[in-house]
Amino acid sequence: EKKEECPVCGGETVELSISRDMKVEELI
């Protein structure tokens, strides 16, 4: 089955929840 959150064929958008304390380097 096709993944709704697939970045290639599912709309190119993914929802991601992260900690408010996460640094940019850690996100990368």
mmCIF file of all heavy atoms, coordinates in Angstrom:
data_MODEL
# 
_entry.id   MODEL 
# 
loop_
_atom_site.group_PDB 
_atom_site.id 
_atom_site.type_symbol 
_atom_site.label_atom_id 
_atom_site.label_alt_id 
_atom_site.label_comp_id 
_atom_site.label_asym_id 
_atom_site.label_entity_id 
_atom_site.label_seq_id 
_atom_site.pdbx_PDB_ins_code 
_atom_site.Cartn_x 
_atom_site.Cartn_y 
_atom_site.Cartn_z 
_atom_site.occupancy 
_atom_site.B_iso_or_equiv 
_atom_site.pdbx_formal_charge 
_atom_site.auth_seq_id 
_atom_site.auth_comp_id 
_atom_site.auth_asym_id 
_atom_site.auth_atom_id 
_atom_site.pdbx_PDB_model_num 
ATOM 1   N N   . GLU A 1 1  ? 0.820  -1.214 0.000  1.00 0.00 ? 1  GLU A N   1 
ATOM 2   C CA  . GLU A 1 1  ? 0.000  0.000  0.000  1.00 0.00 ? 1  GLU A CA  1 
ATOM 3   C C   . GLU A 1 1  ? 0.854  1.265  0.000  1.00 0.00 ? 1  GLU A C   1 
ATOM 4   O O   . GLU A 1 1  ? 1.962  1.289  0.520  1.00 0.00 ? 1  GLU A O   1 
ATOM 5   C CB  . GLU A 1 1  ? -0.914 -0.002 1.229  1.00 0.00 ? 1  GLU A CB  1 
ATOM 6   C CG  . GLU A 1 1  ? -1.924 -1.136 1.216  1.00 0.00 ? 1  GLU A CG  1 
ATOM 7   C CD  . GLU A 1 1  ? -2.867 -1.080 2.401  1.00 0.00 ? 1  GLU A CD  1 
ATOM 8   O OE1 . GLU A 1 1  ? -2.700 -0.172 3.241  1.00 0.00 ? 1  GLU A OE1 1 
ATOM 9   O OE2 . GLU A 1 1  ? -3.759 -1.932 2.488  1.00 0.00 ? 1  GLU A OE2 1 
ATOM 10  N N   . LYS A 1 2  ? 0.285  2.279  -0.558 1.00 0.00 ? 2  LYS A N   1 
ATOM 11  C CA  . LYS A 1 2  ? 0.941  3.575  -0.624 1.00 0.00 ? 2  LYS A CA  1 
ATOM 12  C C   . LYS A 1 2  ? 0.929  4.240  0.749  1.00 0.00 ? 2  LYS A C   1 
ATOM 13  O O   . LYS A 1 2  ? -0.083 4.220  1.444  1.00 0.00 ? 2  LYS A O   1 
ATOM 14  C CB  . LYS A 1 2  ? 0.193  4.449  -1.632 1.00 0.00 ? 2  LYS A CB  1 
ATOM 15  C CG  . LYS A 1 2  ? 0.830  5.773  -1.955 1.00 0.00 ? 2  LYS A CG  1 
ATOM 16  C CD  . LYS A 1 2  ? 0.051  6.431  -3.087 1.00 0.00 ? 2  LYS A CD  1 
ATOM 17  C CE  . LYS A 1 2  ? 0.670  7.752  -3.482 1.00 0.00 ? 2  LYS A CE  1 
ATOM 18  N NZ  . LYS A 1 2  ? -0.045 8.365  -4.621 1.00 0.00 ? 2  LYS A NZ  1 
ATOM 19  N N   . LYS A 1 3  ? 2.049  4.805  1.159  1.00 0.00 ? 3  LYS A N   1 
ATOM 20  C CA  . LYS A 1 3  ? 2.126  5.503  2.441  1.00 0.00 ? 3  LYS A CA  1 
ATOM 21  C C   . LYS A 1 3  ? 1.656  6.949  2.269  1.00 0.00 ? 3  LYS A C   1 
ATOM 22  O O   . LYS A 1 3  ? 2.164  7.674  1.417  1.00 0.00 ? 3  LYS A O   1 
ATOM 23  C CB  . LYS A 1 3  ? 3.565  5.500  2.965  1.00 0.00 ? 3  LYS A CB  1 
ATOM 24  C CG  . LYS A 1 3  ? 4.027  4.182  3.547  1.00 0.00 ? 3  LYS A CG  1 
ATOM 25  C CD  . LYS A 1 3  ? 5.408  4.358  4.166  1.00 0.00 ? 3  LYS A CD  1 
ATOM 26  C CE  . LYS A 1 3  ? 5.858  3.076  4.846  1.00 0.00 ? 3  LYS A CE  1 
ATOM 27  N NZ  . LYS A 1 3  ? 7.210  3.246  5.453  1.00 0.00 ? 3  LYS A NZ  1 
ATOM 28  N N   . GLU A 1 4  ? 0.700  7.328  3.098  1.00 0.00 ? 4  GLU A N   1 
ATOM 29  C CA  . GLU A 1 4  ? 0.196  8.699  2.993  1.00 0.00 ? 4  GLU A CA  1 
ATOM 30  C C   . GLU A 1 4  ? 1.284  9.718  3.305  1.00 0.00 ? 4  GLU A C   1 
ATOM 31  O O   . GLU A 1 4  ? 1.307  10.810 2.743  1.00 0.00 ? 4  GLU A O   1 
ATOM 32  C CB  . GLU A 1 4  ? -0.989 8.902  3.940  1.00 0.00 ? 4  GLU A CB  1 
ATOM 33  C CG  . GLU A 1 4  ? -2.220 8.096  3.565  1.00 0.00 ? 4  GLU A CG  1 
ATOM 34  C CD  . GLU A 1 4  ? -3.382 8.364  4.486  1.00 0.00 ? 4  GLU A CD  1 
ATOM 35  O OE1 . GLU A 1 4  ? -3.212 9.186  5.412  1.00 0.00 ? 4  GLU A OE1 1 
ATOM 36  O OE2 . GLU A 1 4  ? -4.446 7.762  4.295  1.00 0.00 ? 4  GLU A OE2 1 
ATOM 37  N N   . GLU A 1 5  ? 2.210  9.345  4.238  1.00 0.00 ? 5  GLU A N   1 
ATOM 38  C CA  . GLU A 1 5  ? 3.243  10.290 4.639  1.00 0.00 ? 5  GLU A CA  1 
ATOM 39  C C   . GLU A 1 5  ? 4.515  10.160 3.800  1.00 0.00 ? 5  GLU A C   1 
ATOM 40  O O   . GLU A 1 5  ? 5.533  10.796 4.103  1.00 0.00 ? 5  GLU A O   1 
ATOM 41  C CB  . GLU A 1 5  ? 3.607  10.091 6.112  1.00 0.00 ? 5  GLU A CB  1 
ATOM 42  C CG  . GLU A 1 5  ? 4.366  8.805  6.427  1.00 0.00 ? 5  GLU A CG  1 
ATOM 43  C CD  . GLU A 1 5  ? 3.448  7.603  6.589  1.00 0.00 ? 5  GLU A CD  1 
ATOM 44  O OE1 . GLU A 1 5  ? 2.259  7.698  6.250  1.00 0.00 ? 5  GLU A OE1 1 
ATOM 45  O OE2 . GLU A 1 5  ? 3.945  6.561  7.062  1.00 0.00 ? 5  GLU A OE2 1 
ATOM 46  N N   . CYS A 1 6  ? 4.480  9.344  2.743  1.00 0.00 ? 6  CYS A N   1 
ATOM 47  C CA  . CYS A 1 6  ? 5.665  9.168  1.908  1.00 0.00 ? 6  CYS A CA  1 
ATOM 48  C C   . CYS A 1 6  ? 6.067  10.504 1.282  1.00 0.00 ? 6  CYS A C   1 
ATOM 49  O O   . CYS A 1 6  ? 5.246  11.166 0.634  1.00 0.00 ? 6  CYS A O   1 
ATOM 50  C CB  . CYS A 1 6  ? 5.395  8.147  0.802  1.00 0.00 ? 6  CYS A CB  1 
ATOM 51  S SG  . CYS A 1 6  ? 6.786  7.933  -0.334 1.00 0.00 ? 6  CYS A SG  1 
ATOM 52  N N   . PRO A 1 7  ? 7.315  10.918 1.441  1.00 0.00 ? 7  PRO A N   1 
ATOM 53  C CA  . PRO A 1 7  ? 7.737  12.227 0.916  1.00 0.00 ? 7  PRO A CA  1 
ATOM 54  C C   . PRO A 1 7  ? 7.856  12.263 -0.597 1.00 0.00 ? 7  PRO A C   1 
ATOM 55  O O   . PRO A 1 7  ? 7.916  13.335 -1.188 1.00 0.00 ? 7  PRO A O   1 
ATOM 56  C CB  . PRO A 1 7  ? 9.110  12.440 1.575  1.00 0.00 ? 7  PRO A CB  1 
ATOM 57  C CG  . PRO A 1 7  ? 9.601  11.060 1.837  1.00 0.00 ? 7  PRO A CG  1 
ATOM 58  C CD  . PRO A 1 7  ? 8.388  10.247 2.182  1.00 0.00 ? 7  PRO A CD  1 
ATOM 59  N N   . VAL A 1 8  ? 7.897  11.095 -1.247 1.00 0.00 ? 8  VAL A N   1 
ATOM 60  C CA  . VAL A 1 8  ? 8.042  11.064 -2.694 1.00 0.00 ? 8  VAL A CA  1 
ATOM 61  C C   . VAL A 1 8  ? 6.686  11.066 -3.407 1.00 0.00 ? 8  VAL A C   1 
ATOM 62  O O   . VAL A 1 8  ? 6.449  11.852 -4.315 1.00 0.00 ? 8  VAL A O   1 
ATOM 63  C CB  . VAL A 1 8  ? 8.861  9.829  -3.131 1.00 0.00 ? 8  VAL A CB  1 
ATOM 64  C CG1 . VAL A 1 8  ? 8.884  9.708  -4.649 1.00 0.00 ? 8  VAL A CG1 1 
ATOM 65  C CG2 . VAL A 1 8  ? 10.281 9.926  -2.589 1.00 0.00 ? 8  VAL A CG2 1 
ATOM 66  N N   . CYS A 1 9  ? 5.772  10.194 -2.965 1.00 0.00 ? 9  CYS A N   1 
ATOM 67  C CA  . CYS A 1 9  ? 4.495  10.085 -3.679 1.00 0.00 ? 9  CYS A CA  1 
ATOM 68  C C   . CYS A 1 9  ? 3.294  10.440 -2.802 1.00 0.00 ? 9  CYS A C   1 
ATOM 69  O O   . CYS A 1 9  ? 2.159  10.366 -3.259 1.00 0.00 ? 9  CYS A O   1 
ATOM 70  C CB  . CYS A 1 9  ? 4.315  8.679  -4.240 1.00 0.00 ? 9  CYS A CB  1 
ATOM 71  S SG  . CYS A 1 9  ? 4.090  7.399  -2.971 1.00 0.00 ? 9  CYS A SG  1 
ATOM 72  N N   . GLY A 1 10 ? 3.537  10.832 -1.552 1.00 0.00 ? 10 GLY A N   1 
ATOM 73  C CA  . GLY A 1 10 ? 2.424  11.073 -0.650 1.00 0.00 ? 10 GLY A CA  1 
ATOM 74  C C   . GLY A 1 10 ? 2.173  12.521 -0.295 1.00 0.00 ? 10 GLY A C   1 
ATOM 75  O O   . GLY A 1 10 ? 1.475  12.820 0.659  1.00 0.00 ? 10 GLY A O   1 
ATOM 76  N N   . GLY A 1 11 ? 2.768  13.443 -1.018 1.00 0.00 ? 11 GLY A N   1 
ATOM 77  C CA  . GLY A 1 11 ? 2.491  14.849 -0.766 1.00 0.00 ? 11 GLY A CA  1 
ATOM 78  C C   . GLY A 1 11 ? 3.698  15.661 -0.360 1.00 0.00 ? 11 GLY A C   1 
ATOM 79  O O   . GLY A 1 11 ? 3.621  16.877 -0.215 1.00 0.00 ? 11 GLY A O   1 
ATOM 80  N N   . GLU A 1 12 ? 4.850  15.008 -0.142 1.00 0.00 ? 12 GLU A N   1 
ATOM 81  C CA  . GLU A 1 12 ? 6.099  15.687 0.153  1.00 0.00 ? 12 GLU A CA  1 
ATOM 82  C C   . GLU A 1 12 ? 6.083  16.447 1.476  1.00 0.00 ? 12 GLU A C   1 
ATOM 83  O O   . GLU A 1 12 ? 6.867  17.355 1.690  1.00 0.00 ? 12 GLU A O   1 
ATOM 84  C CB  . GLU A 1 12 ? 6.481  16.633 -0.988 1.00 0.00 ? 12 GLU A CB  1 
ATOM 85  C CG  . GLU A 1 12 ? 6.596  15.931 -2.344 1.00 0.00 ? 12 GLU A CG  1 
ATOM 86  C CD  . GLU A 1 12 ? 6.952  16.886 -3.459 1.00 0.00 ? 12 GLU A CD  1 
ATOM 87  O OE1 . GLU A 1 12 ? 7.247  18.051 -3.158 1.00 0.00 ? 12 GLU A OE1 1 
ATOM 88  O OE2 . GLU A 1 12 ? 6.933  16.458 -4.617 1.00 0.00 ? 12 GLU A OE2 1 
ATOM 89  N N   . THR A 1 13 ? 5.172  16.107 2.366  1.00 0.00 ? 13 THR A N   1 
ATOM 90  C CA  . THR A 1 13 ? 5.114  16.751 3.676  1.00 0.00 ? 13 THR A CA  1 
ATOM 91  C C   . THR A 1 13 ? 4.987  15.693 4.754  1.00 0.00 ? 13 THR A C   1 
ATOM 92  O O   . THR A 1 13 ? 4.210  14.759 4.627  1.00 0.00 ? 13 THR A O   1 
ATOM 93  C CB  . THR A 1 13 ? 3.908  17.716 3.768  1.00 0.00 ? 13 THR A CB  1 
ATOM 94  O OG1 . THR A 1 13 ? 4.046  18.709 2.749  1.00 0.00 ? 13 THR A OG1 1 
ATOM 95  C CG2 . THR A 1 13 ? 3.870  18.403 5.124  1.00 0.00 ? 13 THR A CG2 1 
ATOM 96  N N   . VAL A 1 14 ? 5.787  15.844 5.812  1.00 0.00 ? 14 VAL A N   1 
ATOM 97  C CA  . VAL A 1 14 ? 5.767  14.911 6.934  1.00 0.00 ? 14 VAL A CA  1 
ATOM 98  C C   . VAL A 1 14 ? 5.624  15.694 8.222  1.00 0.00 ? 14 VAL A C   1 
ATOM 99  O O   . VAL A 1 14 ? 6.310  16.697 8.424  1.00 0.00 ? 14 VAL A O   1 
ATOM 100 C CB  . VAL A 1 14 ? 7.075  14.075 6.983  1.00 0.00 ? 14 VAL A CB  1 
ATOM 101 C CG1 . VAL A 1 14 ? 7.068  13.160 8.198  1.00 0.00 ? 14 VAL A CG1 1 
ATOM 102 C CG2 . VAL A 1 14 ? 7.232  13.257 5.711  1.00 0.00 ? 14 VAL A CG2 1 
ATOM 103 N N   . GLU A 1 15 ? 4.687  15.266 9.093  1.00 0.00 ? 15 GLU A N   1 
ATOM 104 C CA  . GLU A 1 15 ? 4.533  15.918 10.384 1.00 0.00 ? 15 GLU A CA  1 
ATOM 105 C C   . GLU A 1 15 ? 5.508  15.310 11.377 1.00 0.00 ? 15 GLU A C   1 
ATOM 106 O O   . GLU A 1 15 ? 5.639  14.094 11.476 1.00 0.00 ? 15 GLU A O   1 
ATOM 107 C CB  . GLU A 1 15 ? 3.096  15.770 10.892 1.00 0.00 ? 15 GLU A CB  1 
ATOM 108 C CG  . GLU A 1 15 ? 2.097  16.591 10.098 1.00 0.00 ? 15 GLU A CG  1 
ATOM 109 C CD  . GLU A 1 15 ? 0.884  16.989 10.936 1.00 0.00 ? 15 GLU A CD  1 
ATOM 110 O OE1 . GLU A 1 15 ? 0.872  16.639 12.133 1.00 0.00 ? 15 GLU A OE1 1 
ATOM 111 O OE2 . GLU A 1 15 ? -0.004 17.641 10.387 1.00 0.00 ? 15 GLU A OE2 1 
ATOM 112 N N   . LEU A 1 16 ? 6.196  16.180 12.108 1.00 0.00 ? 16 LEU A N   1 
ATOM 113 C CA  . LEU A 1 16 ? 7.220  15.730 13.040 1.00 0.00 ? 16 LEU A CA  1 
ATOM 114 C C   . LEU A 1 16 ? 7.134  16.548 14.324 1.00 0.00 ? 16 LEU A C   1 
ATOM 115 O O   . LEU A 1 16 ? 7.179  17.773 14.287 1.00 0.00 ? 16 LEU A O   1 
ATOM 116 C CB  . LEU A 1 16 ? 8.608  15.893 12.414 1.00 0.00 ? 16 LEU A CB  1 
ATOM 117 C CG  . LEU A 1 16 ? 9.801  15.537 13.279 1.00 0.00 ? 16 LEU A CG  1 
ATOM 118 C CD1 . LEU A 1 16 ? 9.796  14.041 13.590 1.00 0.00 ? 16 LEU A CD1 1 
ATOM 119 C CD2 . LEU A 1 16 ? 11.105 15.909 12.578 1.00 0.00 ? 16 LEU A CD2 1 
ATOM 120 N N   . SER A 1 17 ? 6.980  15.855 15.441 1.00 0.00 ? 17 SER A N   1 
ATOM 121 C CA  . SER A 1 17 ? 6.954  16.521 16.749 1.00 0.00 ? 17 SER A CA  1 
ATOM 122 C C   . SER A 1 17 ? 8.297  16.333 17.425 1.00 0.00 ? 17 SER A C   1 
ATOM 123 O O   . SER A 1 17 ? 8.803  15.212 17.517 1.00 0.00 ? 17 SER A O   1 
ATOM 124 C CB  . SER A 1 17 ? 5.844  15.930 17.633 1.00 0.00 ? 17 SER A CB  1 
ATOM 125 O OG  . SER A 1 17 ? 4.583  16.147 17.048 1.00 0.00 ? 17 SER A OG  1 
ATOM 126 N N   . ILE A 1 18 ? 8.885  17.428 17.887 1.00 0.00 ? 18 ILE A N   1 
ATOM 127 C CA  . ILE A 1 18 ? 10.188 17.355 18.542 1.00 0.00 ? 18 ILE A CA  1 
ATOM 128 C C   . ILE A 1 18 ? 10.141 18.126 19.856 1.00 0.00 ? 18 ILE A C   1 
ATOM 129 O O   . ILE A 1 18 ? 9.232  18.923 20.101 1.00 0.00 ? 18 ILE A O   1 
ATOM 130 C CB  . ILE A 1 18 ? 11.312 17.942 17.655 1.00 0.00 ? 18 ILE A CB  1 
ATOM 131 C CG1 . ILE A 1 18 ? 11.047 19.427 17.381 1.00 0.00 ? 18 ILE A CG1 1 
ATOM 132 C CG2 . ILE A 1 18 ? 11.441 17.159 16.361 1.00 0.00 ? 18 ILE A CG2 1 
ATOM 133 C CD1 . ILE A 1 18 ? 12.192 20.125 16.667 1.00 0.00 ? 18 ILE A CD1 1 
ATOM 134 N N   . SER A 1 19 ? 11.133 17.891 20.692 1.00 0.00 ? 19 SER A N   1 
ATOM 135 C CA  . SER A 1 19 ? 11.235 18.594 21.965 1.00 0.00 ? 19 SER A CA  1 
ATOM 136 C C   . SER A 1 19 ? 11.581 20.058 21.732 1.00 0.00 ? 19 SER A C   1 
ATOM 137 O O   . SER A 1 19 ? 12.322 20.398 20.801 1.00 0.00 ? 19 SER A O   1 
ATOM 138 C CB  . SER A 1 19 ? 12.316 17.934 22.833 1.00 0.00 ? 19 SER A CB  1 
ATOM 139 O OG  . SER A 1 19 ? 12.642 18.760 23.930 1.00 0.00 ? 19 SER A OG  1 
ATOM 140 N N   . ARG A 1 20 ? 11.074 20.923 22.586 1.00 0.00 ? 20 ARG A N   1 
ATOM 141 C CA  . ARG A 1 20 ? 11.395 22.346 22.467 1.00 0.00 ? 20 ARG A CA  1 
ATOM 142 C C   . ARG A 1 20 ? 12.864 22.608 22.776 1.00 0.00 ? 20 ARG A C   1 
ATOM 143 O O   . ARG A 1 20 ? 13.399 23.660 22.436 1.00 0.00 ? 20 ARG A O   1 
ATOM 144 C CB  . ARG A 1 20 ? 10.518 23.167 23.422 1.00 0.00 ? 20 ARG A CB  1 
ATOM 145 C CG  . ARG A 1 20 ? 9.041  23.170 23.070 1.00 0.00 ? 20 ARG A CG  1 
ATOM 146 C CD  . ARG A 1 20 ? 8.280  24.116 23.979 1.00 0.00 ? 20 ARG A CD  1 
ATOM 147 N NE  . ARG A 1 20 ? 8.769  25.487 23.866 1.00 0.00 ? 20 ARG A NE  1 
ATOM 148 C CZ  . ARG A 1 20 ? 8.363  26.340 22.934 1.00 0.00 ? 20 ARG A CZ  1 
ATOM 149 N NH1 . ARG A 1 20 ? 7.480  25.951 22.024 1.00 0.00 ? 20 ARG A NH1 1 
ATOM 150 N NH2 . ARG A 1 20 ? 8.840  27.564 22.889 1.00 0.00 ? 20 ARG A NH2 1 
ATOM 151 N N   . ASP A 1 21 ? 13.520 21.648 23.414 1.00 0.00 ? 21 ASP A N   1 
ATOM 152 C CA  . ASP A 1 21 ? 14.928 21.811 23.776 1.00 0.00 ? 21 ASP A CA  1 
ATOM 153 C C   . ASP A 1 21 ? 15.880 21.254 22.718 1.00 0.00 ? 21 ASP A C   1 
ATOM 154 O O   . ASP A 1 21 ? 17.098 21.356 22.866 1.00 0.00 ? 21 ASP A O   1 
ATOM 155 C CB  . ASP A 1 21 ? 15.212 21.114 25.116 1.00 0.00 ? 21 ASP A CB  1 
ATOM 156 C CG  . ASP A 1 21 ? 14.462 21.765 26.270 1.00 0.00 ? 21 ASP A CG  1 
ATOM 157 O OD1 . ASP A 1 21 ? 14.283 22.996 26.235 1.00 0.00 ? 21 ASP A OD1 1 
ATOM 158 O OD2 . ASP A 1 21 ? 14.049 21.044 27.196 1.00 0.00 ? 21 ASP A OD2 1 
ATOM 159 N N   . MET A 1 22 ? 15.340 20.646 21.666 1.00 0.00 ? 22 MET A N   1 
ATOM 160 C CA  . MET A 1 22 ? 16.206 20.077 20.636 1.00 0.00 ? 22 MET A CA  1 
ATOM 161 C C   . MET A 1 22 ? 16.931 21.177 19.881 1.00 0.00 ? 22 MET A C   1 
ATOM 162 O O   . MET A 1 22 ? 16.338 22.161 19.454 1.00 0.00 ? 22 MET A O   1 
ATOM 163 C CB  . MET A 1 22 ? 15.393 19.222 19.655 1.00 0.00 ? 22 MET A CB  1 
ATOM 164 C CG  . MET A 1 22 ? 16.232 18.626 18.526 1.00 0.00 ? 22 MET A CG  1 
ATOM 165 S SD  . MET A 1 22 ? 15.288 17.565 17.387 1.00 0.00 ? 22 MET A SD  1 
ATOM 166 C CE  . MET A 1 22 ? 15.251 16.035 18.316 1.00 0.00 ? 22 MET A CE  1 
ATOM 167 N N   . LYS A 1 23 ? 18.247 20.985 19.705 1.00 0.00 ? 23 LYS A N   1 
ATOM 168 C CA  . LYS A 1 23 ? 19.047 21.954 18.970 1.00 0.00 ? 23 LYS A CA  1 
ATOM 169 C C   . LYS A 1 23 ? 18.983 21.656 17.464 1.00 0.00 ? 23 LYS A C   1 
ATOM 170 O O   . LYS A 1 23 ? 18.628 20.554 17.058 1.00 0.00 ? 23 LYS A O   1 
ATOM 171 C CB  . LYS A 1 23 ? 20.499 21.910 19.447 1.00 0.00 ? 23 LYS A CB  1 
ATOM 172 C CG  . LYS A 1 23 ? 20.689 22.347 20.890 1.00 0.00 ? 23 LYS A CG  1 
ATOM 173 C CD  . LYS A 1 23 ? 22.161 22.280 21.287 1.00 0.00 ? 23 LYS A CD  1 
ATOM 174 C CE  . LYS A 1 23 ? 22.351 22.746 22.726 1.00 0.00 ? 23 LYS A CE  1 
ATOM 175 N NZ  . LYS A 1 23 ? 23.777 22.675 23.144 1.00 0.00 ? 23 LYS A NZ  1 
ATOM 176 N N   . VAL A 1 24 ? 19.332 22.650 16.673 1.00 0.00 ? 24 VAL A N   1 
ATOM 177 C CA  . VAL A 1 24 ? 19.306 22.494 15.225 1.00 0.00 ? 24 VAL A CA  1 
ATOM 178 C C   . VAL A 1 24 ? 20.238 21.365 14.791 1.00 0.00 ? 24 VAL A C   1 
ATOM 179 O O   . VAL A 1 24 ? 19.897 20.552 13.930 1.00 0.00 ? 24 VAL A O   1 
ATOM 180 C CB  . VAL A 1 24 ? 19.711 23.812 14.535 1.00 0.00 ? 24 VAL A CB  1 
ATOM 181 C CG1 . VAL A 1 24 ? 19.872 23.600 13.024 1.00 0.00 ? 24 VAL A CG1 1 
ATOM 182 C CG2 . VAL A 1 24 ? 18.673 24.893 14.804 1.00 0.00 ? 24 VAL A CG2 1 
ATOM 183 N N   . GLU A 1 25 ? 21.414 21.303 15.403 1.00 0.00 ? 25 GLU A N   1 
ATOM 184 C CA  . GLU A 1 25 ? 22.365 20.250 15.076 1.00 0.00 ? 25 GLU A CA  1 
ATOM 185 C C   . GLU A 1 25 ? 21.783 18.874 15.368 1.00 0.00 ? 25 GLU A C   1 
ATOM 186 O O   . GLU A 1 25 ? 21.963 17.930 14.601 1.00 0.00 ? 25 GLU A O   1 
ATOM 187 C CB  . GLU A 1 25 ? 23.653 20.455 15.869 1.00 0.00 ? 25 GLU A CB  1 
ATOM 188 C CG  . GLU A 1 25 ? 24.778 19.518 15.475 1.00 0.00 ? 25 GLU A CG  1 
ATOM 189 C CD  . GLU A 1 25 ? 26.067 19.859 16.190 1.00 0.00 ? 25 GLU A CD  1 
ATOM 190 O OE1 . GLU A 1 25 ? 26.003 20.391 17.308 1.00 0.00 ? 25 GLU A OE1 1 
ATOM 191 O OE2 . GLU A 1 25 ? 27.138 19.605 15.616 1.00 0.00 ? 25 GLU A OE2 1 
ATOM 192 N N   . GLU A 1 26 ? 21.061 18.744 16.461 1.00 0.00 ? 26 GLU A N   1 
ATOM 193 C CA  . GLU A 1 26 ? 20.437 17.471 16.817 1.00 0.00 ? 26 GLU A CA  1 
ATOM 194 C C   . GLU A 1 26 ? 19.323 17.115 15.844 1.00 0.00 ? 26 GLU A C   1 
ATOM 195 O O   . GLU A 1 26 ? 19.115 15.940 15.517 1.00 0.00 ? 26 GLU A O   1 
ATOM 196 C CB  . GLU A 1 26 ? 19.891 17.543 18.242 1.00 0.00 ? 26 GLU A CB  1 
ATOM 197 C CG  . GLU A 1 26 ? 20.971 17.688 19.300 1.00 0.00 ? 26 GLU A CG  1 
ATOM 198 C CD  . GLU A 1 26 ? 20.412 17.945 20.687 1.00 0.00 ? 26 GLU A CD  1 
ATOM 199 O OE1 . GLU A 1 26 ? 19.261 18.442 20.785 1.00 0.00 ? 26 GLU A OE1 1 
ATOM 200 O OE2 . GLU A 1 26 ? 21.111 17.667 21.674 1.00 0.00 ? 26 GLU A OE2 1 
ATOM 201 N N   . LEU A 1 27 ? 18.586 18.114 15.372 1.00 0.00 ? 27 LEU A N   1 
ATOM 202 C CA  . LEU A 1 27 ? 17.522 17.872 14.399 1.00 0.00 ? 27 LEU A CA  1 
ATOM 203 C C   . LEU A 1 27 ? 18.099 17.352 13.091 1.00 0.00 ? 27 LEU A C   1 
ATOM 204 O O   . LEU A 1 27 ? 17.545 16.432 12.474 1.00 0.00 ? 27 LEU A O   1 
ATOM 205 C CB  . LEU A 1 27 ? 16.727 19.152 14.154 1.00 0.00 ? 27 LEU A CB  1 
ATOM 206 C CG  . LEU A 1 27 ? 15.647 19.071 13.059 1.00 0.00 ? 27 LEU A CG  1 
ATOM 207 C CD1 . LEU A 1 27 ? 14.619 18.002 13.383 1.00 0.00 ? 27 LEU A CD1 1 
ATOM 208 C CD2 . LEU A 1 27 ? 14.964 20.425 12.880 1.00 0.00 ? 27 LEU A CD2 1 
ATOM 209 N N   . ILE A 1 28 ? 19.229 17.923 12.669 1.00 0.00 ? 28 ILE A N   1 
ATOM 210 C CA  . ILE A 1 28 ? 19.877 17.470 11.442 1.00 0.00 ? 28 ILE A CA  1 
ATOM 211 C C   . ILE A 1 28 ? 20.309 16.014 11.571 1.00 0.00 ? 28 ILE A C   1 
ATOM 212 O O   . ILE A 1 28 ? 20.092 15.192 10.669 1.00 0.00 ? 28 ILE A O   1 
ATOM 213 C CB  . ILE A 1 28 ? 21.087 18.368 11.110 1.00 0.00 ? 28 ILE A CB  1 
ATOM 214 C CG1 . ILE A 1 28 ? 20.592 19.763 10.681 1.00 0.00 ? 28 ILE A CG1 1 
ATOM 215 C CG2 . ILE A 1 28 ? 21.948 17.751 10.004 1.00 0.00 ? 28 ILE A CG2 1 
ATOM 216 C CD1 . ILE A 1 28 ? 21.693 20.760 10.442 1.00 0.00 ? 28 ILE A CD1 1 
# 
